[in-house]
Amino acid sequence: MAFVITEACIDEKAADCKEVCPVDCISEGPDQFFIDADVCIDCGACETACPVGAIYYEDDLTDDRKIFVEKAKQFYQNQ
C-alpha cells in the first residue's frame, strides 16, 4: 500500500509534498501530482506537508476516491 493524492490537488499543485518526500516518488502530472506506489515507503511526510489535505493512505480512501489509485497507476504506466 502507499499514499494517494486525490481531488484537492487538482489544479492546486502546491508541491509541498514533493519537497519533503525522502525517496522522490512524487511526480507532477498535467492536472495534479501523483505518488508512485512502487517507490513510496509509506513514511507519511507528504500527507503531513500537504496544505490542501489531498493525500490519504490507500487503505483509508473512501469509495469515491479510489479512482485516484487507478489514475496514478495510469500516469506512471504512460511515462
N, C-alpha and C. Protein backbone atom coordinates (compact mmCIF):
# COMPACT_ATOMS: atom_id res chain seq x y z
N MET A 1 0.83 -1.19 0.00
CA MET A 1 0.00 0.00 0.00
C MET A 1 0.88 1.25 0.00
N ALA A 2 0.28 2.34 -0.41
CA ALA A 2 1.02 3.61 -0.48
C ALA A 2 0.05 4.75 -0.22
N PHE A 3 0.58 5.93 -0.25
CA PHE A 3 -0.25 7.12 -0.14
C PHE A 3 -0.74 7.50 -1.53
N VAL A 4 -1.89 8.18 -1.58
CA VAL A 4 -2.53 8.55 -2.84
C VAL A 4 -2.92 10.02 -2.78
N ILE A 5 -2.68 10.72 -3.86
CA ILE A 5 -3.07 12.13 -3.95
C ILE A 5 -4.43 12.21 -4.64
N THR A 6 -5.36 12.92 -4.03
CA THR A 6 -6.74 12.95 -4.51
C THR A 6 -7.15 14.31 -5.06
N GLU A 7 -8.44 14.51 -5.21
CA GLU A 7 -9.02 15.64 -5.94
C GLU A 7 -8.64 17.03 -5.45
N ALA A 8 -8.33 17.18 -4.20
CA ALA A 8 -8.00 18.52 -3.70
C ALA A 8 -6.73 19.08 -4.35
N CYS A 9 -5.91 18.20 -4.92
CA CYS A 9 -4.67 18.63 -5.58
C CYS A 9 -4.92 19.12 -7.01
N ILE A 10 -6.01 18.70 -7.60
CA ILE A 10 -6.27 19.05 -9.00
C ILE A 10 -6.26 20.57 -9.16
N ASP A 11 -5.40 20.99 -10.07
CA ASP A 11 -5.18 22.40 -10.39
C ASP A 11 -4.60 23.22 -9.24
N GLU A 12 -4.36 22.63 -8.08
CA GLU A 12 -3.73 23.32 -6.95
C GLU A 12 -2.22 23.19 -7.06
N LYS A 13 -1.76 21.96 -7.05
CA LYS A 13 -0.36 21.60 -7.22
C LYS A 13 0.60 22.47 -6.40
N ALA A 14 0.44 22.46 -5.10
CA ALA A 14 1.28 23.27 -4.22
C ALA A 14 2.73 22.77 -4.16
N ALA A 15 2.97 21.49 -4.36
CA ALA A 15 4.30 20.86 -4.40
C ALA A 15 4.98 20.72 -3.05
N ASP A 16 4.33 21.06 -1.96
CA ASP A 16 4.93 20.88 -0.63
C ASP A 16 5.26 19.40 -0.41
N CYS A 17 4.40 18.51 -0.90
CA CYS A 17 4.60 17.07 -0.75
C CYS A 17 5.87 16.61 -1.45
N LYS A 18 6.08 17.10 -2.64
CA LYS A 18 7.25 16.72 -3.43
C LYS A 18 8.54 17.14 -2.74
N GLU A 19 8.52 18.29 -2.12
CA GLU A 19 9.71 18.82 -1.46
C GLU A 19 10.13 17.99 -0.24
N VAL A 20 9.18 17.36 0.45
CA VAL A 20 9.51 16.61 1.66
C VAL A 20 9.69 15.11 1.45
N CYS A 21 9.39 14.62 0.29
CA CYS A 21 9.48 13.17 0.03
C CYS A 21 10.94 12.70 0.04
N PRO A 22 11.28 11.79 0.95
CA PRO A 22 12.67 11.34 1.05
C PRO A 22 13.12 10.39 -0.06
N VAL A 23 12.17 9.83 -0.81
CA VAL A 23 12.53 8.88 -1.87
C VAL A 23 12.15 9.39 -3.27
N ASP A 24 11.75 10.63 -3.36
CA ASP A 24 11.43 11.25 -4.65
C ASP A 24 10.43 10.42 -5.47
N CYS A 25 9.32 10.04 -4.83
CA CYS A 25 8.33 9.22 -5.53
C CYS A 25 7.13 10.02 -6.03
N ILE A 26 7.20 11.34 -5.95
CA ILE A 26 6.08 12.18 -6.36
C ILE A 26 6.44 12.92 -7.63
N SER A 27 5.55 12.82 -8.63
CA SER A 27 5.77 13.46 -9.92
C SER A 27 4.61 14.38 -10.25
N GLU A 28 4.91 15.41 -11.01
CA GLU A 28 3.87 16.34 -11.44
C GLU A 28 3.23 15.84 -12.72
N GLY A 29 1.91 15.73 -12.70
CA GLY A 29 1.15 15.36 -13.88
C GLY A 29 0.52 16.59 -14.49
N PRO A 30 -0.29 16.40 -15.51
CA PRO A 30 -0.90 17.55 -16.18
C PRO A 30 -1.85 18.37 -15.31
N ASP A 31 -2.54 17.71 -14.38
CA ASP A 31 -3.50 18.44 -13.55
C ASP A 31 -3.28 18.29 -12.05
N GLN A 32 -2.38 17.38 -11.64
CA GLN A 32 -2.13 17.15 -10.23
C GLN A 32 -0.82 16.40 -10.07
N PHE A 33 -0.39 16.24 -8.82
CA PHE A 33 0.78 15.41 -8.52
C PHE A 33 0.33 13.97 -8.31
N PHE A 34 1.26 13.04 -8.52
CA PHE A 34 0.99 11.62 -8.34
C PHE A 34 2.10 10.98 -7.52
N ILE A 35 1.75 9.94 -6.75
CA ILE A 35 2.72 9.18 -5.96
C ILE A 35 2.90 7.83 -6.62
N ASP A 36 4.16 7.48 -6.87
CA ASP A 36 4.49 6.17 -7.45
C ASP A 36 4.46 5.14 -6.33
N ALA A 37 3.45 4.28 -6.33
CA ALA A 37 3.26 3.29 -5.27
C ALA A 37 4.41 2.30 -5.19
N ASP A 38 5.12 2.08 -6.29
CA ASP A 38 6.23 1.14 -6.30
C ASP A 38 7.47 1.71 -5.61
N VAL A 39 7.51 3.01 -5.42
CA VAL A 39 8.67 3.67 -4.81
C VAL A 39 8.34 4.18 -3.40
N CYS A 40 7.10 4.53 -3.15
CA CYS A 40 6.66 5.08 -1.86
C CYS A 40 7.02 4.14 -0.70
N ILE A 41 7.57 4.71 0.36
CA ILE A 41 7.95 3.92 1.54
C ILE A 41 6.97 4.12 2.70
N ASP A 42 5.85 4.74 2.43
CA ASP A 42 4.78 4.93 3.43
C ASP A 42 5.23 5.70 4.67
N CYS A 43 6.10 6.67 4.49
CA CYS A 43 6.60 7.43 5.64
C CYS A 43 5.60 8.46 6.14
N GLY A 44 4.70 8.93 5.28
CA GLY A 44 3.68 9.88 5.69
C GLY A 44 4.10 11.34 5.65
N ALA A 45 5.32 11.61 5.25
CA ALA A 45 5.80 13.01 5.20
C ALA A 45 4.95 13.85 4.26
N CYS A 46 4.56 13.28 3.14
CA CYS A 46 3.77 14.01 2.15
C CYS A 46 2.39 14.38 2.70
N GLU A 47 1.79 13.44 3.40
CA GLU A 47 0.44 13.66 3.96
C GLU A 47 0.46 14.84 4.93
N THR A 48 1.46 14.89 5.76
CA THR A 48 1.59 15.96 6.74
C THR A 48 1.86 17.31 6.08
N ALA A 49 2.63 17.30 5.01
CA ALA A 49 3.04 18.54 4.35
C ALA A 49 1.97 19.13 3.43
N CYS A 50 1.02 18.34 2.99
CA CYS A 50 0.04 18.80 2.01
C CYS A 50 -0.85 19.91 2.59
N PRO A 51 -0.79 21.12 2.01
CA PRO A 51 -1.57 22.23 2.55
C PRO A 51 -3.07 22.17 2.26
N VAL A 52 -3.47 21.28 1.34
CA VAL A 52 -4.89 21.19 0.99
C VAL A 52 -5.53 19.86 1.42
N GLY A 53 -4.79 19.02 2.15
CA GLY A 53 -5.35 17.76 2.65
C GLY A 53 -5.73 16.79 1.55
N ALA A 54 -4.93 16.72 0.49
CA ALA A 54 -5.26 15.88 -0.65
C ALA A 54 -4.70 14.47 -0.57
N ILE A 55 -3.87 14.18 0.42
CA ILE A 55 -3.15 12.91 0.45
C ILE A 55 -3.71 12.00 1.54
N TYR A 56 -3.98 10.75 1.13
CA TYR A 56 -4.55 9.75 2.03
C TYR A 56 -3.78 8.45 1.88
N TYR A 57 -3.72 7.68 2.97
CA TYR A 57 -3.19 6.34 2.88
C TYR A 57 -4.20 5.53 2.08
N GLU A 58 -3.72 4.69 1.20
CA GLU A 58 -4.61 3.97 0.28
C GLU A 58 -5.71 3.20 0.99
N ASP A 59 -5.41 2.58 2.11
CA ASP A 59 -6.43 1.82 2.85
C ASP A 59 -7.52 2.72 3.45
N ASP A 60 -7.24 4.01 3.57
CA ASP A 60 -8.20 4.94 4.17
C ASP A 60 -9.05 5.69 3.15
N LEU A 61 -8.87 5.39 1.87
CA LEU A 61 -9.64 6.09 0.84
C LEU A 61 -11.11 5.71 0.90
N THR A 62 -11.96 6.70 0.74
CA THR A 62 -13.39 6.42 0.59
C THR A 62 -13.62 5.84 -0.80
N ASP A 63 -14.73 5.19 -0.99
CA ASP A 63 -15.00 4.56 -2.29
C ASP A 63 -14.92 5.54 -3.45
N ASP A 64 -15.40 6.76 -3.24
CA ASP A 64 -15.39 7.74 -4.33
C ASP A 64 -13.99 8.26 -4.64
N ARG A 65 -13.03 8.02 -3.77
CA ARG A 65 -11.65 8.47 -4.03
C ARG A 65 -10.75 7.36 -4.56
N LYS A 66 -11.23 6.15 -4.61
CA LYS A 66 -10.41 5.03 -5.07
C LYS A 66 -10.02 5.17 -6.55
N ILE A 67 -10.72 6.00 -7.28
CA ILE A 67 -10.37 6.23 -8.68
C ILE A 67 -8.98 6.86 -8.81
N PHE A 68 -8.52 7.53 -7.76
CA PHE A 68 -7.21 8.18 -7.81
C PHE A 68 -6.06 7.18 -7.74
N VAL A 69 -6.31 5.98 -7.23
CA VAL A 69 -5.31 4.91 -7.27
C VAL A 69 -5.08 4.54 -8.73
N GLU A 70 -6.16 4.33 -9.46
CA GLU A 70 -6.06 3.97 -10.88
C GLU A 70 -5.48 5.10 -11.71
N LYS A 71 -5.85 6.31 -11.38
CA LYS A 71 -5.34 7.47 -12.11
C LYS A 71 -3.82 7.55 -11.98
N ALA A 72 -3.31 7.29 -10.78
CA ALA A 72 -1.86 7.31 -10.56
C ALA A 72 -1.18 6.16 -11.31
N LYS A 73 -1.78 4.98 -11.27
CA LYS A 73 -1.22 3.83 -11.99
C LYS A 73 -1.11 4.13 -13.48
N GLN A 74 -2.16 4.70 -14.04
CA GLN A 74 -2.16 5.03 -15.46
C GLN A 74 -1.11 6.10 -15.79
N PHE A 75 -0.95 7.06 -14.90
CA PHE A 75 0.05 8.11 -15.11
C PHE A 75 1.44 7.49 -15.20
N TYR A 76 1.78 6.61 -14.28
CA TYR A 76 3.13 6.01 -14.27
C TYR A 76 3.31 4.97 -15.38
N GLN A 77 2.26 4.34 -15.83
CA GLN A 77 2.36 3.40 -16.95
C GLN A 77 2.66 4.13 -18.26
N ASN A 78 2.18 5.36 -18.35
CA ASN A 78 2.34 6.12 -19.59
C ASN A 78 3.62 6.96 -19.62
N GLN A 79 4.46 6.82 -18.63
CA GLN A 79 5.72 7.60 -18.62
C GLN A 79 6.84 6.85 -19.27
